[in-house]
Amino acid sequence: MSNAKVKPIPEGMHSLTPHLVCDDAAKAIEFYKKAFNAVELMRLPTPDGKLMHAAVRIGDSTLMLVDEFPEWGSLGPKALKGTPITLHMYVEDVDASFAQAVAAGATAKMPPADMFWGDRYGLVIDPFGHQWSIATHTRDLTPEQIQEGMKQQMTQGCPEQ
């Protein structure tokens, strides 16, 4: 491992690129502005005020949002009673970003910690039921070092409990 400065956001990685279904997408936009410094790019409301489409920029990525439309089978995580999806976001300072998200109303699921794969990493759940992992890359490791770190971690238990 060299002493060269490690890039906090690895080359070629983006903050995120999903399209989220939210119960009240307009409130979700306001939350993402406070929690993740999102910048609103656009919104397309229906005549009754629901959002047919909206977009914000977080970091170097666009996040698209839409309100729930149950009549079209478009449901968010709360209606589905959970989500199997985690949105992964690289940031310059995971501890500050994690604290900002929690202060904005996210629920802390796992506080930031140094992980065997070379990231400092934490998990939050936003008020709309979406799970976010937030990370800062802190160490460049070989695949062998990561494999060995995983073996050690498995003997201690999964960090995402």
C-alpha atoms as a PDB file:
ATOM      1  CA  MET A   1       0.000   0.000   0.000  1.00  0.00           C
ATOM      2  CA  SER A   2       1.482   3.369  -0.982  1.00  0.00           C
ATOM      3  CA  ASN A   3       1.443   6.600   0.994  1.00  0.00           C
ATOM      4  CA  ALA A   4      -0.136   8.485  -1.943  1.00  0.00           C
ATOM      5  CA  LYS A   5      -3.296  10.426  -1.147  1.00  0.00           C
ATOM      6  CA  VAL A   6      -6.319   8.227  -1.706  1.00  0.00           C
ATOM      7  CA  LYS A   7      -9.154   9.787  -3.686  1.00  0.00           C
ATOM      8  CA  PRO A   8     -12.242   9.996  -1.436  1.00  0.00           C
ATOM      9  CA  ILE A   9     -14.410   9.267  -4.486  1.00  0.00           C
ATOM     10  CA  PRO A  10     -12.881   6.536  -6.673  1.00  0.00           C
ATOM     11  CA  GLU A  11     -12.316   7.274 -10.351  1.00  0.00           C
ATOM     12  CA  GLY A  12     -15.399   6.598 -12.457  1.00  0.00           C
ATOM     13  CA  MET A  13     -17.847   6.410  -9.543  1.00  0.00           C
ATOM     14  CA  HIS A  14     -20.952   8.583  -9.432  1.00  0.00           C
ATOM     15  CA  SER A  15     -23.056   9.594  -6.465  1.00  0.00           C
ATOM     16  CA  LEU A  16     -26.161   7.765  -7.728  1.00  0.00           C
ATOM     17  CA  THR A  17     -28.418   7.217 -10.726  1.00  0.00           C
ATOM     18  CA  PRO A  18     -31.797   5.901  -9.492  1.00  0.00           C
ATOM     19  CA  HIS A  19     -35.443   6.801 -10.135  1.00  0.00           C
ATOM     20  CA  LEU A  20     -37.304   6.704  -6.828  1.00  0.00           C
ATOM     21  CA  VAL A  21     -41.003   6.301  -6.098  1.00  0.00           C
ATOM     22  CA  CYS A  22     -41.925   8.343  -3.016  1.00  0.00           C
ATOM     23  CA  ASP A  23     -45.035   8.911  -0.979  1.00  0.00           C
ATOM     24  CA  ASP A  24     -45.009  12.728  -1.422  1.00  0.00           C
ATOM     25  CA  ALA A  25     -42.133  13.309  -3.836  1.00  0.00           C
ATOM     26  CA  ALA A  26     -42.296  17.085  -3.255  1.00  0.00           C
ATOM     27  CA  LYS A  27     -41.458  16.541   0.434  1.00  0.00           C
ATOM     28  CA  ALA A  28     -38.756  14.088  -0.602  1.00  0.00           C
ATOM     29  CA  ILE A  29     -37.138  16.798  -2.748  1.00  0.00           C
ATOM     30  CA  GLU A  30     -37.067  19.146   0.234  1.00  0.00           C
ATOM     31  CA  PHE A  31     -35.594  16.403   2.428  1.00  0.00           C
ATOM     32  CA  TYR A  32     -32.872  15.576  -0.149  1.00  0.00           C
ATOM     33  CA  LYS A  33     -31.980  19.279  -0.338  1.00  0.00           C
ATOM     34  CA  LYS A  34     -31.433  19.371   3.447  1.00  0.00           C
ATOM     35  CA  ALA A  35     -29.929  15.898   3.864  1.00  0.00           C
ATOM     36  CA  PHE A  36     -27.741  15.573   0.767  1.00  0.00           C
ATOM     37  CA  ASN A  37     -27.398  19.139  -0.608  1.00  0.00           C
ATOM     38  CA  ALA A  38     -29.564  18.230  -3.597  1.00  0.00           C
ATOM     39  CA  VAL A  39     -30.230  20.891  -6.220  1.00  0.00           C
ATOM     40  CA  GLU A  40     -33.655  20.753  -7.827  1.00  0.00           C
ATOM     41  CA  LEU A  41     -33.424  20.439 -11.598  1.00  0.00           C
ATOM     42  CA  MET A  42     -37.080  20.159 -12.566  1.00  0.00           C
ATOM     43  CA  ARG A  43     -40.547  18.971 -11.600  1.00  0.00           C
ATOM     44  CA  LEU A  44     -43.590  18.016 -13.655  1.00  0.00           C
ATOM     45  CA  PRO A  45     -46.781  18.169 -11.579  1.00  0.00           C
ATOM     46  CA  THR A  46     -50.064  16.585 -12.600  1.00  0.00           C
ATOM     47  CA  PRO A  47     -53.238  18.746 -12.487  1.00  0.00           C
ATOM     48  CA  ASP A  48     -53.924  17.469  -8.934  1.00  0.00           C
ATOM     49  CA  GLY A  49     -50.406  18.432  -7.775  1.00  0.00           C
ATOM     50  CA  LYS A  50     -48.749  15.017  -7.632  1.00  0.00           C
ATOM     51  CA  LEU A  51     -45.356  14.783  -9.284  1.00  0.00           C
ATOM     52  CA  MET A  52     -45.344  12.796 -12.511  1.00  0.00           C
ATOM     53  CA  HIS A  53     -41.600  13.388 -12.723  1.00  0.00           C
ATOM     54  CA  ALA A  54     -38.948  15.397 -10.914  1.00  0.00           C
ATOM     55  CA  ALA A  55     -35.178  15.486 -10.827  1.00  0.00           C
ATOM     56  CA  VAL A  56     -32.497  16.697  -8.456  1.00  0.00           C
ATOM     57  CA  ARG A  57     -28.725  16.622  -8.664  1.00  0.00           C
ATOM     58  CA  ILE A  58     -26.788  15.131  -5.774  1.00  0.00           C
ATOM     59  CA  GLY A  59     -23.051  15.338  -6.181  1.00  0.00           C
ATOM     60  CA  ASP A  60     -22.303  14.503  -9.801  1.00  0.00           C
ATOM     61  CA  SER A  61     -25.478  12.478 -10.338  1.00  0.00           C
ATOM     62  CA  THR A  62     -29.107  12.990 -11.127  1.00  0.00           C
ATOM     63  CA  LEU A  63     -31.801  11.468  -8.925  1.00  0.00           C
ATOM     64  CA  MET A  64     -35.240  11.201 -10.519  1.00  0.00           C
ATOM     65  CA  LEU A  65     -38.395  11.055  -8.391  1.00  0.00           C
ATOM     66  CA  VAL A  66     -42.069  10.368  -8.895  1.00  0.00           C
ATOM     67  CA  ASP A  67     -45.044  10.272  -6.566  1.00  0.00           C
ATOM     68  CA  GLU A  68     -46.757   7.001  -5.841  1.00  0.00           C
ATOM     69  CA  PHE A  69     -49.455   6.130  -8.362  1.00  0.00           C
ATOM     70  CA  PRO A  70     -51.010   2.932  -6.957  1.00  0.00           C
ATOM     71  CA  GLU A  71     -53.441   2.777  -9.871  1.00  0.00           C
ATOM     72  CA  TRP A  72     -50.404   2.186 -12.127  1.00  0.00           C
ATOM     73  CA  GLY A  73     -48.622  -0.148  -9.706  1.00  0.00           C
ATOM     74  CA  SER A  74     -46.100   2.558  -8.771  1.00  0.00           C
ATOM     75  CA  LEU A  75     -45.491   2.171  -5.020  1.00  0.00           C
ATOM     76  CA  GLY A  76     -42.753   3.388  -2.695  1.00  0.00           C
ATOM     77  CA  PRO A  77     -40.936   1.477   0.056  1.00  0.00           C
ATOM     78  CA  LYS A  78     -43.448   2.327   2.795  1.00  0.00           C
ATOM     79  CA  ALA A  79     -46.366   0.920   0.802  1.00  0.00           C
ATOM     80  CA  LEU A  80     -44.250  -2.139   0.024  1.00  0.00           C
ATOM     81  CA  LYS A  81     -43.220  -2.456   3.708  1.00  0.00           C
ATOM     82  CA  GLY A  82     -39.507  -2.123   2.966  1.00  0.00           C
ATOM     83  CA  THR A  83     -36.988  -2.111   0.162  1.00  0.00           C
ATOM     84  CA  PRO A  84     -34.298  -4.530  -0.983  1.00  0.00           C
ATOM     85  CA  ILE A  85     -32.419  -1.581  -2.541  1.00  0.00           C
ATOM     86  CA  THR A  86     -29.596   0.440  -1.004  1.00  0.00           C
ATOM     87  CA  LEU A  87     -28.590   3.670  -2.742  1.00  0.00           C
ATOM     88  CA  HIS A  88     -24.817   4.004  -2.447  1.00  0.00           C
ATOM     89  CA  MET A  89     -23.326   7.481  -2.327  1.00  0.00           C
ATOM     90  CA  TYR A  90     -19.649   8.436  -2.192  1.00  0.00           C
ATOM     91  CA  VAL A  91     -18.897  11.728  -0.422  1.00  0.00           C
ATOM     92  CA  GLU A  92     -15.823  13.671   0.705  1.00  0.00           C
ATOM     93  CA  ASP A  93     -16.624  13.315   4.446  1.00  0.00           C
ATOM     94  CA  VAL A  94     -18.902  10.420   5.425  1.00  0.00           C
ATOM     95  CA  ASP A  95     -19.130  11.461   9.065  1.00  0.00           C
ATOM     96  CA  ALA A  96     -20.322  14.985   8.221  1.00  0.00           C
ATOM     97  CA  SER A  97     -22.715  13.746   5.511  1.00  0.00           C
ATOM     98  CA  PHE A  98     -24.157  11.067   7.808  1.00  0.00           C
ATOM     99  CA  ALA A  99     -24.717  13.645  10.575  1.00  0.00           C
ATOM    100  CA  GLN A 100     -26.336  16.050   8.091  1.00  0.00           C
ATOM    101  CA  ALA A 101     -28.740  13.351   6.850  1.00  0.00           C
ATOM    102  CA  VAL A 102     -29.729  12.396  10.407  1.00  0.00           C
ATOM    103  CA  ALA A 103     -30.201  16.069  11.357  1.00  0.00           C
ATOM    104  CA  ALA A 104     -32.496  16.449   8.322  1.00  0.00           C
ATOM    105  CA  GLY A 105     -34.690  13.552   9.493  1.00  0.00           C
ATOM    106  CA  ALA A 106     -33.047  10.319   8.321  1.00  0.00           C
ATOM    107  CA  THR A 107     -32.899   7.379  10.721  1.00  0.00           C
ATOM    108  CA  ALA A 108     -29.412   6.142  11.559  1.00  0.00           C
ATOM    109  CA  LYS A 109     -29.227   2.415  10.787  1.00  0.00           C
ATOM    110  CA  MET A 110     -25.456   1.980  11.087  1.00  0.00           C
ATOM    111  CA  PRO A 111     -23.101   4.784  12.142  1.00  0.00           C
ATOM    112  CA  PRO A 112     -20.013   5.330   9.966  1.00  0.00           C
ATOM    113  CA  ALA A 113     -17.188   2.879  10.596  1.00  0.00           C
ATOM    114  CA  ASP A 114     -14.006   1.814   8.807  1.00  0.00           C
ATOM    115  CA  MET A 115     -14.742  -1.189   6.602  1.00  0.00           C
ATOM    116  CA  PHE A 116     -12.536  -4.010   5.390  1.00  0.00           C
ATOM    117  CA  TRP A 117     -12.915  -3.009   1.720  1.00  0.00           C
ATOM    118  CA  GLY A 118     -11.274   0.396   2.239  1.00  0.00           C
ATOM    119  CA  ASP A 119     -14.253   2.696   2.809  1.00  0.00           C
ATOM    120  CA  ARG A 120     -15.556   4.484   5.861  1.00  0.00           C
ATOM    121  CA  TYR A 121     -19.237   3.566   5.563  1.00  0.00           C
ATOM    122  CA  GLY A 122     -22.597   4.146   7.254  1.00  0.00           C
ATOM    123  CA  LEU A 123     -26.300   3.524   6.573  1.00  0.00           C
ATOM    124  CA  VAL A 124     -29.398   5.724   6.972  1.00  0.00           C
ATOM    125  CA  ILE A 125     -33.078   5.301   6.133  1.00  0.00           C
ATOM    126  CA  ASP A 126     -34.729   8.402   4.698  1.00  0.00           C
ATOM    127  CA  PRO A 127     -38.229   9.453   5.832  1.00  0.00           C
ATOM    128  CA  PHE A 128     -39.703   7.904   2.659  1.00  0.00           C
ATOM    129  CA  GLY A 129     -38.321   4.422   3.351  1.00  0.00           C
ATOM    130  CA  HIS A 130     -35.289   4.462   1.036  1.00  0.00           C
ATOM    131  CA  GLN A 131     -32.021   3.066   2.440  1.00  0.00           C
ATOM    132  CA  TRP A 132     -28.810   5.008   1.723  1.00  0.00           C
ATOM    133  CA  SER A 133     -25.238   3.890   2.266  1.00  0.00           C
ATOM    134  CA  ILE A 134     -22.835   6.798   2.585  1.00  0.00           C
ATOM    135  CA  ALA A 135     -19.098   6.257   2.173  1.00  0.00           C
ATOM    136  CA  THR A 136     -15.725   7.897   1.829  1.00  0.00           C
ATOM    137  CA  HIS A 137     -12.976   5.831   0.241  1.00  0.00           C
ATOM    138  CA  THR A 138     -10.035   5.876   2.662  1.00  0.00           C
ATOM    139  CA  ARG A 139      -7.701   3.044   1.597  1.00  0.00           C
ATOM    140  CA  ASP A 140      -6.743   1.446  -1.704  1.00  0.00           C
ATOM    141  CA  LEU A 141      -6.497  -2.306  -1.130  1.00  0.00           C
ATOM    142  CA  THR A 142      -5.659  -5.297  -3.284  1.00  0.00           C
ATOM    143  CA  PRO A 143      -8.346  -7.938  -3.912  1.00  0.00           C
ATOM    144  CA  GLU A 144      -6.357 -10.246  -1.641  1.00  0.00           C
ATOM    145  CA  GLN A 145      -6.354  -7.717   1.202  1.00  0.00           C
ATOM    146  CA  ILE A 146     -10.112  -7.234   0.805  1.00  0.00           C
ATOM    147  CA  GLN A 147     -10.673 -11.025   0.804  1.00  0.00           C
ATOM    148  CA  GLU A 148      -8.622 -11.400   3.987  1.00  0.00           C
ATOM    149  CA  GLY A 149     -10.476  -8.494   5.603  1.00  0.00           C
ATOM    150  CA  MET A 150     -13.807 -10.080   4.696  1.00  0.00           C
ATOM    151  CA  LYS A 151     -12.768 -13.373   6.294  1.00  0.00           C
ATOM    152  CA  GLN A 152     -11.821 -11.549   9.492  1.00  0.00           C
ATOM    153  CA  GLN A 153     -15.100  -9.590   9.474  1.00  0.00           C
ATOM    154  CA  MET A 154     -17.170 -12.744   8.960  1.00  0.00           C
ATOM    155  CA  THR A 155     -15.749 -14.192  12.178  1.00  0.00           C
ATOM    156  CA  GLN A 156     -16.891 -11.037  14.016  1.00  0.00           C
ATOM    157  CA  GLY A 157     -20.364 -10.801  12.417  1.00  0.00           C
ATOM    158  CA  CYS A 158     -21.860  -8.723   9.652  1.00  0.00           C
ATOM    159  CA  PRO A 159     -21.384  -4.939  10.136  1.00  0.00           C
ATOM    160  CA  GLU A 160     -24.876  -4.150   8.765  1.00  0.00           C
ATOM    161  CA  GLN A 161     -26.774  -5.501  11.781  1.00  0.00           C
END
